[in-house]
N, C-alpha and C. Protein backbone atom coordinates (compact mmCIF):
# COMPACT_ATOMS: atom_id res chain seq x y z
N MET A 1 154.66 67.78 135.16
CA MET A 1 154.15 69.52 134.60
C MET A 1 152.62 68.35 134.64
N SER A 2 152.23 66.85 135.33
CA SER A 2 151.21 66.65 136.22
C SER A 2 150.67 66.82 137.41
N GLU A 3 151.87 67.48 138.09
CA GLU A 3 152.07 67.79 139.11
C GLU A 3 151.47 69.27 139.13
N MET A 4 151.47 69.99 138.55
CA MET A 4 151.16 71.44 138.27
C MET A 4 149.72 71.40 137.74
N ALA A 5 149.50 70.15 137.22
CA ALA A 5 148.03 70.48 136.27
C ALA A 5 147.25 69.62 137.39
N ASP A 6 147.37 68.74 138.53
CA ASP A 6 146.81 68.40 139.63
C ASP A 6 146.52 70.05 140.96
N ARG A 7 147.65 70.37 140.68
CA ARG A 7 147.75 71.15 141.33
C ARG A 7 146.94 72.71 141.38
N VAL A 8 146.36 72.81 139.74
CA VAL A 8 145.88 73.46 139.56
C VAL A 8 144.40 73.37 139.26
N GLU A 9 143.92 71.71 139.53
CA GLU A 9 142.71 71.33 139.37
C GLU A 9 142.38 71.47 140.85
N GLN A 10 142.70 70.92 141.86
CA GLN A 10 142.16 71.22 142.97
C GLN A 10 142.31 72.48 143.59
N PHE A 11 143.21 73.64 143.34
CA PHE A 11 142.18 75.08 143.63
C PHE A 11 141.36 75.34 142.59
N ALA A 12 141.08 74.94 141.71
CA ALA A 12 139.50 75.02 140.94
C ALA A 12 138.79 74.10 141.88
N ASN A 13 138.88 72.99 142.34
CA ASN A 13 137.52 72.53 142.84
C ASN A 13 137.06 72.90 144.15
N ARG A 14 138.03 73.88 144.57
CA ARG A 14 137.59 74.88 145.16
C ARG A 14 136.96 76.29 145.46
N PHE A 15 138.03 76.89 144.03
CA PHE A 15 137.61 78.18 143.48
C PHE A 15 136.24 78.41 143.18
N VAL A 16 135.83 77.39 142.21
CA VAL A 16 134.97 77.28 141.41
C VAL A 16 133.38 77.45 142.40
N PRO A 17 133.35 76.55 143.24
CA PRO A 17 132.08 76.72 143.76
C PRO A 17 132.03 78.11 144.93
N LYS A 18 132.88 78.76 145.36
CA LYS A 18 132.69 79.72 146.05
C LYS A 18 132.67 80.73 145.03
N ALA A 19 133.00 81.08 144.20
CA ALA A 19 133.28 82.06 143.11
C ALA A 19 131.33 82.05 142.36
N ARG A 20 130.94 80.89 142.10
CA ARG A 20 129.45 80.77 142.03
C ARG A 20 128.90 80.94 142.89
N VAL A 21 128.31 80.96 144.16
CA VAL A 21 127.86 81.77 145.24
C VAL A 21 128.03 82.71 145.60
N LEU A 22 129.03 83.30 145.55
CA LEU A 22 129.27 84.91 145.61
C LEU A 22 128.97 85.12 144.81
N THR A 23 128.62 84.98 143.22
CA THR A 23 127.85 85.13 142.40
C THR A 23 126.45 84.91 142.60
N ALA A 24 125.82 84.10 142.80
CA ALA A 24 124.06 83.74 142.86
C ALA A 24 123.72 85.12 143.85
N ARG A 25 125.27 84.96 145.44
CA ARG A 25 124.72 85.97 146.22
C ARG A 25 124.24 87.66 146.05
N LEU A 26 125.44 87.95 145.15
CA LEU A 26 125.41 88.89 143.86
C LEU A 26 124.02 89.17 143.64
N VAL A 27 123.56 88.54 142.95
CA VAL A 27 122.43 88.18 142.02
C VAL A 27 121.14 88.50 142.87
N SER A 28 121.66 87.75 144.38
CA SER A 28 119.88 87.88 145.31
C SER A 28 120.27 89.04 146.07
N ALA A 29 121.52 89.92 146.12
CA ALA A 29 121.40 90.96 146.51
C ALA A 29 120.81 92.30 145.61
N GLN A 30 120.90 91.67 144.39
CA GLN A 30 120.65 93.01 143.35
C GLN A 30 118.74 92.84 143.29
N ARG A 31 118.41 91.36 143.31
CA ARG A 31 117.14 91.62 143.97
C ARG A 31 116.18 92.45 144.82
N TRP A 32 116.70 92.04 145.97
CA TRP A 32 116.56 92.90 146.97
C TRP A 32 116.77 94.15 147.10
N ALA A 33 117.37 94.81 146.55
CA ALA A 33 118.61 96.36 146.38
C ALA A 33 116.69 96.97 145.54
N LYS A 34 116.01 96.31 144.68
CA LYS A 34 114.43 96.32 144.02
C LYS A 34 113.74 96.39 144.55
N ILE A 35 113.92 95.21 145.42
CA ILE A 35 112.67 95.05 146.07
C ILE A 35 112.19 95.69 147.46
N ASP A 36 113.43 95.48 148.52
CA ASP A 36 113.08 96.17 149.63
C ASP A 36 114.72 95.91 150.13
N PRO A 37 115.43 96.80 150.34
CA PRO A 37 116.85 96.92 150.60
C PRO A 37 117.20 97.01 151.75
N TYR A 38 115.93 97.12 152.43
CA TYR A 38 116.36 97.26 154.64
C TYR A 38 115.84 95.85 154.60
N HIS A 39 115.03 94.74 153.86
CA HIS A 39 114.42 93.70 154.28
C HIS A 39 115.10 92.70 155.55
N MET A 40 114.91 92.22 156.38
CA MET A 40 116.25 90.95 157.29
C MET A 40 116.86 89.95 156.12
N ASP A 41 116.12 89.41 155.32
CA ASP A 41 116.50 88.55 153.78
C ASP A 41 118.24 90.00 153.29
N ALA A 42 117.29 90.93 153.16
CA ALA A 42 118.16 91.50 152.03
C ALA A 42 120.13 92.28 152.86
N VAL A 43 119.55 92.47 154.12
CA VAL A 43 120.69 92.82 154.96
C VAL A 43 121.49 91.54 154.88
N ALA A 44 120.75 90.44 155.53
CA ALA A 44 121.54 88.98 155.54
C ALA A 44 122.00 88.83 154.34
N VAL A 45 122.23 89.20 153.35
CA VAL A 45 122.63 88.70 152.20
C VAL A 45 124.16 89.63 151.76
N ARG A 46 123.66 90.90 152.21
CA ARG A 46 124.88 91.80 152.14
C ARG A 46 126.12 91.15 153.24
N GLY A 47 125.56 91.27 154.42
CA GLY A 47 126.79 90.94 155.78
C GLY A 47 127.24 89.18 154.41
N GLU A 48 126.38 88.22 154.01
CA GLU A 48 127.16 87.32 153.55
C GLU A 48 128.74 87.84 152.39
N ILE A 49 128.19 88.31 151.31
CA ILE A 49 128.47 89.18 150.79
C ILE A 49 129.89 89.38 151.53
N ALA A 50 129.47 90.49 152.59
CA ALA A 50 130.73 91.30 152.47
C ALA A 50 131.96 90.12 152.98
N LYS A 51 131.56 89.06 154.17
CA LYS A 51 131.82 87.96 155.06
C LYS A 51 132.13 86.91 153.67
N PHE A 52 132.55 87.00 152.87
CA PHE A 52 132.59 86.11 151.55
C PHE A 52 133.77 86.95 150.98
N ASP A 53 133.47 88.17 150.87
CA ASP A 53 134.62 89.33 149.78
C ASP A 53 135.94 88.94 150.66
N SER A 54 136.10 89.20 151.78
CA SER A 54 137.49 89.28 152.16
C SER A 54 138.73 87.71 151.24
N GLU A 55 137.49 86.39 151.94
CA GLU A 55 137.98 84.82 151.42
C GLU A 55 138.31 84.63 150.12
N PHE A 56 137.21 85.42 149.12
CA PHE A 56 137.29 85.73 147.54
C PHE A 56 138.30 86.46 147.48
N ILE A 57 138.73 87.49 147.98
CA ILE A 57 139.68 88.09 147.21
C ILE A 57 141.34 87.60 147.72
N ARG A 58 141.37 86.68 148.60
CA ARG A 58 142.41 85.77 149.02
C ARG A 58 142.87 84.96 147.77
N MET A 59 141.52 84.06 147.73
CA MET A 59 141.60 83.38 146.61
C MET A 59 141.99 83.56 145.50
N LEU A 60 141.92 85.29 145.10
CA LEU A 60 141.83 86.04 143.86
C LEU A 60 143.46 85.51 143.87
N ASN A 61 143.75 86.68 145.03
CA ASN A 61 145.62 86.31 145.08
C ASN A 61 145.99 85.64 144.94
N ASP A 62 145.83 84.41 145.42
CA ASP A 62 146.25 82.65 145.03
C ASP A 62 146.39 82.23 143.78
N LEU A 63 145.28 83.02 143.02
CA LEU A 63 145.49 82.37 141.45
C LEU A 63 146.21 82.95 140.75
N VAL A 64 145.87 84.41 141.16
CA VAL A 64 147.54 85.12 140.34
C VAL A 64 148.33 84.46 140.79
N LYS A 65 148.70 84.31 141.87
CA LYS A 65 150.36 83.26 142.28
C LYS A 65 150.42 82.02 141.08
N LEU A 66 149.36 81.13 141.29
CA LEU A 66 148.83 79.83 140.73
C LEU A 66 149.16 80.17 139.25
N THR A 67 148.93 81.28 138.43
CA THR A 67 149.31 81.49 137.61
C THR A 67 149.80 81.73 136.93
N GLU A 68 150.67 82.52 137.79
CA GLU A 68 152.30 82.87 137.64
C GLU A 68 153.16 81.81 137.23
N ASP A 69 152.72 80.83 138.64
CA ASP A 69 153.59 79.25 138.22
C ASP A 69 153.42 78.20 137.12
N CYS A 70 151.74 78.77 136.69
CA CYS A 70 151.62 78.05 135.40
C CYS A 70 152.51 78.06 134.04
N LYS A 71 152.82 79.60 134.21
CA LYS A 71 153.47 80.21 132.67
C LYS A 71 154.32 79.25 132.24
N PRO A 72 155.51 78.10 132.81
CA PRO A 72 156.42 77.50 132.06
C PRO A 72 155.35 76.50 131.55
N HIS A 73 155.03 76.06 132.06
CA HIS A 73 154.01 74.46 131.65
C HIS A 73 153.38 75.33 130.33
N ILE A 74 152.38 76.39 130.34
CA ILE A 74 151.35 76.29 129.41
C ILE A 74 152.13 77.36 127.69
N GLY A 75 150.99 77.62 126.88
CA GLY A 75 151.61 78.38 125.23
C GLY A 75 152.69 78.27 125.26
N GLY A 76 152.95 77.07 124.98
CA GLY A 76 154.11 76.69 124.16
C GLY A 76 155.27 76.68 124.66
N ASN A 77 155.65 76.64 125.71
CA ASN A 77 156.95 77.28 126.09
C ASN A 77 157.39 75.33 126.61
N ARG A 78 156.78 74.19 126.08
CA ARG A 78 157.27 73.33 126.79
C ARG A 78 158.93 73.18 126.23
N SER A 79 159.15 72.31 127.20
CA SER A 79 160.92 71.72 127.24
C SER A 79 160.82 70.98 126.19
N PRO A 80 162.10 70.63 125.43
CA PRO A 80 162.28 69.57 124.42
C PRO A 80 162.58 68.17 124.66
N ASN A 81 162.65 68.21 126.46
CA ASN A 81 162.34 66.35 126.47
C ASN A 81 161.00 65.98 126.85
N ALA A 82 159.42 67.07 126.64
CA ALA A 82 158.46 67.15 127.02
C ALA A 82 158.03 65.87 126.17
N VAL A 83 157.11 65.29 127.01
CA VAL A 83 156.44 63.48 126.59
C VAL A 83 155.17 64.16 126.36
N PRO A 84 154.56 63.01 125.68
CA PRO A 84 153.11 63.56 125.09
C PRO A 84 151.71 63.73 126.05
N ASP A 85 152.36 62.92 127.27
CA ASP A 85 151.59 63.69 128.66
C ASP A 85 151.38 64.84 128.87
N ASP A 86 152.74 66.30 128.30
CA ASP A 86 152.81 67.23 128.69
C ASP A 86 151.42 68.26 127.84
N GLN A 87 151.18 67.47 126.65
CA GLN A 87 149.90 68.52 126.05
C GLN A 87 148.88 67.97 126.60
N ALA A 88 148.39 66.46 127.47
CA ALA A 88 146.78 66.70 127.90
C ALA A 88 146.81 67.26 129.58
N ASN A 89 148.06 67.32 130.08
CA ASN A 89 148.56 68.21 131.37
C ASN A 89 148.44 69.70 131.07
N GLU A 90 148.90 70.05 129.60
CA GLU A 90 148.43 71.63 129.72
C GLU A 90 147.37 72.28 129.57
N GLN A 91 146.93 71.08 128.45
CA GLN A 91 145.03 71.19 128.34
C GLN A 91 143.98 71.31 129.67
N ARG A 92 144.54 70.23 130.61
CA ARG A 92 143.94 70.10 131.71
C ARG A 92 144.41 72.11 132.54
N ILE A 93 145.20 72.45 132.41
CA ILE A 93 145.72 73.60 132.98
C ILE A 93 144.58 75.08 132.74
N ALA A 94 144.58 74.46 131.40
CA ALA A 94 144.25 75.78 130.86
C ALA A 94 142.79 75.55 130.66
N ALA A 95 142.23 74.63 130.78
CA ALA A 95 140.77 74.27 130.98
C ALA A 95 140.33 75.15 132.34
N ALA A 96 141.40 74.29 133.59
CA ALA A 96 140.60 74.67 134.71
C ALA A 96 141.35 76.30 134.81
N LEU A 97 142.19 76.88 134.67
CA LEU A 97 142.23 78.18 134.80
C LEU A 97 140.87 79.05 133.34
N GLY A 98 140.74 78.72 132.47
CA GLY A 98 139.45 79.23 131.99
C GLY A 98 138.88 79.27 132.25
N GLU A 99 137.79 78.00 132.90
CA GLU A 99 136.54 78.57 133.97
C GLU A 99 136.70 79.13 134.91
N MET A 100 138.09 78.95 135.75
CA MET A 100 137.71 80.16 136.83
C MET A 100 138.18 81.76 136.63
N THR A 101 138.28 81.86 134.89
CA THR A 101 139.11 83.45 134.43
C THR A 101 137.30 83.18 133.88
N ALA A 102 136.85 83.06 133.29
CA ALA A 102 135.19 83.08 133.30
C ALA A 102 134.42 82.99 134.42
N LEU A 103 134.80 82.62 135.21
CA LEU A 103 133.53 82.73 136.40
C LEU A 103 134.14 84.24 136.99
N ILE A 104 135.42 84.52 137.26
CA ILE A 104 136.32 85.79 137.79
C ILE A 104 135.08 87.09 137.12
N LYS A 105 135.03 86.30 135.54
CA LYS A 105 134.63 88.13 134.98
C LYS A 105 133.05 87.89 135.28
N GLU A 106 132.07 87.11 135.38
CA GLU A 106 130.56 86.96 135.47
C GLU A 106 130.78 87.51 137.13
N CYS A 107 131.35 87.28 138.05
CA CYS A 107 131.39 87.57 139.21
C CYS A 107 131.90 88.95 138.85
N THR A 108 132.66 89.82 138.94
CA THR A 108 132.99 91.42 138.43
C THR A 108 131.61 91.88 138.06
N GLN A 109 131.54 91.44 136.83
CA GLN A 109 130.01 91.99 136.15
C GLN A 109 128.68 91.76 137.04
N GLU A 110 128.22 90.57 138.16
CA GLU A 110 127.39 91.20 138.74
C GLU A 110 127.38 92.25 140.32
N TYR A 111 128.93 92.23 140.58
CA TYR A 111 129.21 93.09 141.68
C TYR A 111 129.16 94.05 140.79
N GLU A 112 129.66 94.65 139.74
CA GLU A 112 129.39 96.20 139.29
C GLU A 112 128.08 96.29 139.19
N ARG A 113 127.28 95.37 138.54
CA ARG A 113 125.83 95.69 138.62
C ARG A 113 125.00 96.27 139.99
N TRP A 114 125.66 95.63 140.89
CA TRP A 114 125.21 96.03 141.95
C TRP A 114 125.54 96.90 142.77
N ALA A 115 126.65 97.16 142.48
CA ALA A 115 127.17 98.79 143.33
C ALA A 115 126.96 99.75 142.27
N ALA A 116 126.44 99.24 141.01
CA ALA A 116 125.73 100.81 140.82
C ALA A 116 124.09 101.26 140.93
N LEU A 117 123.51 100.09 141.66
CA LEU A 117 122.07 99.94 141.71
C LEU A 117 121.70 101.71 143.15
N PRO A 118 121.06 102.06 142.78
CA PRO A 118 120.80 103.06 143.07
C PRO A 118 120.15 103.55 144.57
N ASN A 119 119.55 102.23 144.84
CA ASN A 119 118.78 101.95 146.18
C ASN A 119 119.74 100.75 146.95
N ARG A 120 120.73 100.95 146.52
CA ARG A 120 122.05 99.64 147.38
C ARG A 120 122.28 100.46 148.40
N VAL A 121 121.96 99.63 149.48
CA VAL A 121 122.56 99.92 150.92
C VAL A 121 124.13 99.88 151.26
């Protein structure tokens, strides 16, 4: 189980910063859409989002696979031979997955706000 917890944390170390950057870019794009959607900085932000979007989607797919791989290790599915460290590793997995899930929700919310703007280009 320690290996799975390490794997989840390593993935989270890559995923979390990318999700935060994408969320910040979406917020910036919202501001620019309200100010001047044709300004060169607004166009640049939209380009960054488009480029970043495909990479983020691949990471989301990887997260789904990773979550599936974690199911046997979390949620009380411990084997009868579980060692005390298993609970700590289960908590590490749950914490990392929880943080990534919260970021996905935040990013999705910002994306929906940006997509709903009437003057979005």
